[in-house]
Amino acid sequence: MNGFLLAFFLVVAFARTPALAHDLNRTVTRDTAVIIELTYPDKSPFSFESYEIFRENEETPFQVGRTDGRGRIVFIPDHSGAWRVRAFSEDGHGLDFTVEAGAERLDVESSGPAPGRLSKTIMGVAVLFGVFGIVSLFYRRRPA
């Protein structure tokens, strides 16, 4: 029985290793954002269309993407100044304009770091030892 428990423990401990590559960490930050809403003349939203945002006097985009379902572009500038926004659709509609934006922060809140892989592994081992300890209490041999 002890050999089985050891083998089971080793299989469980090493079976988790490939799944570590799928971990993601997250940080949530609330900051001052620029929100641009684009609509057609009939007030319908410029939904899911391409856009590019450029810093002043730069040719490489600071941000690229698609507008959301309500035709909004949201970005957080990293410095004050003029920002060039270029929005366009495949059928030829589009705009190319400049927006003045600042980099002042109103409220910054980020989540704590996610538990690391080592701490997750240690927790898993501790849970396994706890489960096997409880199981061994019920199945230990009693003297006759």
C-alpha atoms as a PDB file:
ATOM      1  CA  MET A   1       0.000   0.000   0.000  1.00  0.00           C
ATOM      2  CA  ASN A   2       2.840   2.438   0.823  1.00  0.00           C
ATOM      3  CA  GLY A   3       4.426   1.839  -2.593  1.00  0.00           C
ATOM      4  CA  PHE A   4       1.106   2.610  -4.266  1.00  0.00           C
ATOM      5  CA  LEU A   5       0.761   5.865  -2.310  1.00  0.00           C
ATOM      6  CA  LEU A   6       4.299   6.911  -3.200  1.00  0.00           C
ATOM      7  CA  ALA A   7       3.743   6.107  -6.888  1.00  0.00           C
ATOM      8  CA  PHE A   8       0.421   7.978  -6.876  1.00  0.00           C
ATOM      9  CA  PHE A   9       2.037  10.977  -5.188  1.00  0.00           C
ATOM     10  CA  LEU A  10       4.858  11.100  -7.751  1.00  0.00           C
ATOM     11  CA  VAL A  11       2.450  10.820 -10.699  1.00  0.00           C
ATOM     12  CA  VAL A  12       0.280  13.643  -9.334  1.00  0.00           C
ATOM     13  CA  ALA A  13       3.297  15.834  -8.511  1.00  0.00           C
ATOM     14  CA  PHE A  14       4.863  15.522 -11.952  1.00  0.00           C
ATOM     15  CA  ALA A  15       1.623  15.488 -13.962  1.00  0.00           C
ATOM     16  CA  ARG A  16       1.039  19.136 -12.993  1.00  0.00           C
ATOM     17  CA  THR A  17       4.318  20.337 -14.543  1.00  0.00           C
ATOM     18  CA  PRO A  18       3.109  20.752 -18.196  1.00  0.00           C
ATOM     19  CA  ALA A  19       0.103  22.758 -17.026  1.00  0.00           C
ATOM     20  CA  LEU A  20       2.394  25.436 -15.571  1.00  0.00           C
ATOM     21  CA  ALA A  21       2.986  26.814 -19.054  1.00  0.00           C
ATOM     22  CA  HIS A  22      -0.678  27.864 -19.203  1.00  0.00           C
ATOM     23  CA  ASP A  23      -0.546  30.110 -16.127  1.00  0.00           C
ATOM     24  CA  LEU A  24      -1.388  33.780 -16.541  1.00  0.00           C
ATOM     25  CA  ASN A  25      -0.824  36.636 -14.157  1.00  0.00           C
ATOM     26  CA  ARG A  26      -3.071  39.670 -14.074  1.00  0.00           C
ATOM     27  CA  THR A  27      -2.764  43.244 -12.971  1.00  0.00           C
ATOM     28  CA  VAL A  28      -5.737  45.589 -12.829  1.00  0.00           C
ATOM     29  CA  THR A  29      -4.930  49.287 -13.006  1.00  0.00           C
ATOM     30  CA  ARG A  30      -7.404  52.142 -12.999  1.00  0.00           C
ATOM     31  CA  ASP A  31      -5.979  55.151 -14.737  1.00  0.00           C
ATOM     32  CA  THR A  32      -6.989  58.242 -16.665  1.00  0.00           C
ATOM     33  CA  ALA A  33      -8.119  57.081 -20.073  1.00  0.00           C
ATOM     34  CA  VAL A  34      -9.063  58.871 -23.239  1.00  0.00           C
ATOM     35  CA  ILE A  35     -12.365  57.595 -24.625  1.00  0.00           C
ATOM     36  CA  ILE A  36     -13.262  58.456 -28.202  1.00  0.00           C
ATOM     37  CA  GLU A  37     -16.689  57.508 -29.537  1.00  0.00           C
ATOM     38  CA  LEU A  38     -17.108  57.352 -33.306  1.00  0.00           C
ATOM     39  CA  THR A  39     -20.496  57.306 -35.016  1.00  0.00           C
ATOM     40  CA  TYR A  40     -21.821  57.587 -38.533  1.00  0.00           C
ATOM     41  CA  PRO A  41     -23.991  60.645 -39.397  1.00  0.00           C
ATOM     42  CA  ASP A  42     -27.139  58.612 -38.617  1.00  0.00           C
ATOM     43  CA  LYS A  43     -25.760  58.067 -35.057  1.00  0.00           C
ATOM     44  CA  SER A  44     -25.078  54.357 -35.616  1.00  0.00           C
ATOM     45  CA  PRO A  45     -21.756  53.288 -34.041  1.00  0.00           C
ATOM     46  CA  PHE A  46     -18.541  52.827 -36.012  1.00  0.00           C
ATOM     47  CA  SER A  47     -18.384  49.285 -34.578  1.00  0.00           C
ATOM     48  CA  PHE A  48     -15.472  46.850 -34.817  1.00  0.00           C
ATOM     49  CA  GLU A  49     -13.464  48.967 -37.235  1.00  0.00           C
ATOM     50  CA  SER A  50      -9.680  49.401 -37.270  1.00  0.00           C
ATOM     51  CA  TYR A  51      -7.806  52.257 -35.626  1.00  0.00           C
ATOM     52  CA  GLU A  52      -4.252  53.418 -34.962  1.00  0.00           C
ATOM     53  CA  ILE A  53      -3.015  55.893 -32.362  1.00  0.00           C
ATOM     54  CA  PHE A  54       0.299  57.708 -32.792  1.00  0.00           C
ATOM     55  CA  ARG A  55       2.398  59.813 -30.436  1.00  0.00           C
ATOM     56  CA  GLU A  56       3.203  63.287 -31.693  1.00  0.00           C
ATOM     57  CA  ASN A  57       5.864  63.235 -34.446  1.00  0.00           C
ATOM     58  CA  GLU A  58       6.145  59.426 -34.529  1.00  0.00           C
ATOM     59  CA  GLU A  59       5.436  57.068 -37.402  1.00  0.00           C
ATOM     60  CA  THR A  60       5.120  53.831 -35.388  1.00  0.00           C
ATOM     61  CA  PRO A  61       1.675  53.384 -33.796  1.00  0.00           C
ATOM     62  CA  PHE A  62       1.446  53.603 -30.014  1.00  0.00           C
ATOM     63  CA  GLN A  63      -1.680  51.441 -30.112  1.00  0.00           C
ATOM     64  CA  VAL A  64      -3.632  49.588 -32.789  1.00  0.00           C
ATOM     65  CA  GLY A  65      -6.903  47.729 -32.565  1.00  0.00           C
ATOM     66  CA  ARG A  66     -10.591  47.742 -33.342  1.00  0.00           C
ATOM     67  CA  THR A  67     -13.348  49.899 -31.949  1.00  0.00           C
ATOM     68  CA  ASP A  68     -15.775  48.153 -29.599  1.00  0.00           C
ATOM     69  CA  GLY A  69     -19.461  47.479 -30.308  1.00  0.00           C
ATOM     70  CA  ARG A  70     -20.376  51.059 -29.430  1.00  0.00           C
ATOM     71  CA  GLY A  71     -17.699  52.542 -31.694  1.00  0.00           C
ATOM     72  CA  ARG A  72     -15.343  53.478 -28.849  1.00  0.00           C
ATOM     73  CA  ILE A  73     -11.575  53.721 -28.777  1.00  0.00           C
ATOM     74  CA  VAL A  74      -9.998  53.744 -25.328  1.00  0.00           C
ATOM     75  CA  PHE A  75      -6.341  54.428 -24.616  1.00  0.00           C
ATOM     76  CA  ILE A  76      -4.163  55.599 -21.747  1.00  0.00           C
ATOM     77  CA  PRO A  77      -1.538  58.113 -22.869  1.00  0.00           C
ATOM     78  CA  ASP A  78       1.940  57.840 -21.383  1.00  0.00           C
ATOM     79  CA  HIS A  79       2.659  61.561 -21.721  1.00  0.00           C
ATOM     80  CA  SER A  80       0.811  64.825 -22.261  1.00  0.00           C
ATOM     81  CA  GLY A  81       0.495  66.254 -25.723  1.00  0.00           C
ATOM     82  CA  ALA A  82      -1.135  65.755 -29.074  1.00  0.00           C
ATOM     83  CA  TRP A  83      -2.096  62.255 -30.163  1.00  0.00           C
ATOM     84  CA  ARG A  84      -2.979  61.411 -33.755  1.00  0.00           C
ATOM     85  CA  VAL A  85      -5.923  59.033 -34.124  1.00  0.00           C
ATOM     86  CA  ARG A  86      -6.614  57.313 -37.413  1.00  0.00           C
ATOM     87  CA  ALA A  87      -9.801  55.222 -37.680  1.00  0.00           C
ATOM     88  CA  PHE A  88     -10.804  53.484 -40.892  1.00  0.00           C
ATOM     89  CA  SER A  89     -13.092  50.810 -42.305  1.00  0.00           C
ATOM     90  CA  GLU A  90     -12.604  48.477 -45.243  1.00  0.00           C
ATOM     91  CA  ASP A  91     -15.279  50.271 -47.273  1.00  0.00           C
ATOM     92  CA  GLY A  92     -13.461  53.613 -47.171  1.00  0.00           C
ATOM     93  CA  HIS A  93     -15.040  55.421 -44.225  1.00  0.00           C
ATOM     94  CA  GLY A  94     -12.610  56.940 -41.786  1.00  0.00           C
ATOM     95  CA  LEU A  95     -11.145  59.829 -39.858  1.00  0.00           C
ATOM     96  CA  ASP A  96      -7.668  61.178 -39.183  1.00  0.00           C
ATOM     97  CA  PHE A  97      -7.621  63.691 -36.310  1.00  0.00           C
ATOM     98  CA  THR A  98      -5.607  64.900 -33.323  1.00  0.00           C
ATOM     99  CA  VAL A  99      -6.572  64.700 -29.649  1.00  0.00           C
ATOM    100  CA  GLU A 100      -4.930  66.556 -26.767  1.00  0.00           C
ATOM    101  CA  ALA A 101      -4.407  64.222 -23.817  1.00  0.00           C
ATOM    102  CA  GLY A 102      -2.583  64.274 -20.506  1.00  0.00           C
ATOM    103  CA  ALA A 103      -0.871  61.554 -18.530  1.00  0.00           C
ATOM    104  CA  GLU A 104      -2.238  62.495 -15.093  1.00  0.00           C
ATOM    105  CA  ARG A 105      -3.308  59.552 -12.984  1.00  0.00           C
ATOM    106  CA  LEU A 106      -6.470  59.701 -10.947  1.00  0.00           C
ATOM    107  CA  ASP A 107      -6.625  56.326  -9.231  1.00  0.00           C
ATOM    108  CA  VAL A 108      -4.152  53.517  -9.568  1.00  0.00           C
ATOM    109  CA  GLU A 109      -4.997  50.191  -8.002  1.00  0.00           C
ATOM    110  CA  SER A 110      -3.352  46.947  -8.908  1.00  0.00           C
ATOM    111  CA  SER A 111      -3.975  43.477  -7.663  1.00  0.00           C
ATOM    112  CA  GLY A 112      -1.385  41.686  -5.605  1.00  0.00           C
ATOM    113  CA  PRO A 113       0.826  39.213  -7.353  1.00  0.00           C
ATOM    114  CA  ALA A 114      -0.732  35.885  -8.170  1.00  0.00           C
ATOM    115  CA  PRO A 115       0.540  32.971  -6.114  1.00  0.00           C
ATOM    116  CA  GLY A 116       3.764  31.683  -7.608  1.00  0.00           C
ATOM    117  CA  ARG A 117       4.284  28.241  -9.026  1.00  0.00           C
ATOM    118  CA  LEU A 118       6.396  27.161  -6.080  1.00  0.00           C
ATOM    119  CA  SER A 119       3.745  28.129  -3.544  1.00  0.00           C
ATOM    120  CA  LYS A 120       1.053  26.366  -5.605  1.00  0.00           C
ATOM    121  CA  THR A 121       3.168  23.223  -5.751  1.00  0.00           C
ATOM    122  CA  ILE A 122       3.849  23.309  -2.004  1.00  0.00           C
ATOM    123  CA  MET A 123       0.136  23.776  -1.332  1.00  0.00           C
ATOM    124  CA  GLY A 124      -0.694  20.821  -3.572  1.00  0.00           C
ATOM    125  CA  VAL A 125       1.839  18.604  -1.804  1.00  0.00           C
ATOM    126  CA  ALA A 126       0.477  19.671   1.593  1.00  0.00           C
ATOM    127  CA  VAL A 127      -3.077  18.826   0.524  1.00  0.00           C
ATOM    128  CA  LEU A 128      -1.947  15.420  -0.759  1.00  0.00           C
ATOM    129  CA  PHE A 129      -0.136  14.640   2.504  1.00  0.00           C
ATOM    130  CA  GLY A 130      -3.226  15.704   4.429  1.00  0.00           C
ATOM    131  CA  VAL A 131      -5.527  13.483   2.370  1.00  0.00           C
ATOM    132  CA  PHE A 132      -3.177  10.496   2.611  1.00  0.00           C
ATOM    133  CA  GLY A 133      -2.813  11.091   6.356  1.00  0.00           C
ATOM    134  CA  ILE A 134      -6.575  10.977   6.857  1.00  0.00           C
ATOM    135  CA  VAL A 135      -6.912   7.898   4.633  1.00  0.00           C
ATOM    136  CA  SER A 136      -4.135   6.111   6.531  1.00  0.00           C
ATOM    137  CA  LEU A 137      -5.937   6.743   9.837  1.00  0.00           C
ATOM    138  CA  PHE A 138      -8.989   4.843   8.606  1.00  0.00           C
ATOM    139  CA  TYR A 139      -7.128   2.021   6.868  1.00  0.00           C
ATOM    140  CA  ARG A 140      -4.286   1.265   9.236  1.00  0.00           C
ATOM    141  CA  ARG A 141      -4.152  -2.273  10.485  1.00  0.00           C
ATOM    142  CA  ARG A 142      -5.389  -2.888  13.961  1.00  0.00           C
ATOM    143  CA  PRO A 143      -3.701  -5.528  16.102  1.00  0.00           C
ATOM    144  CA  ALA A 144      -5.861  -8.639  16.589  1.00  0.00           C
END
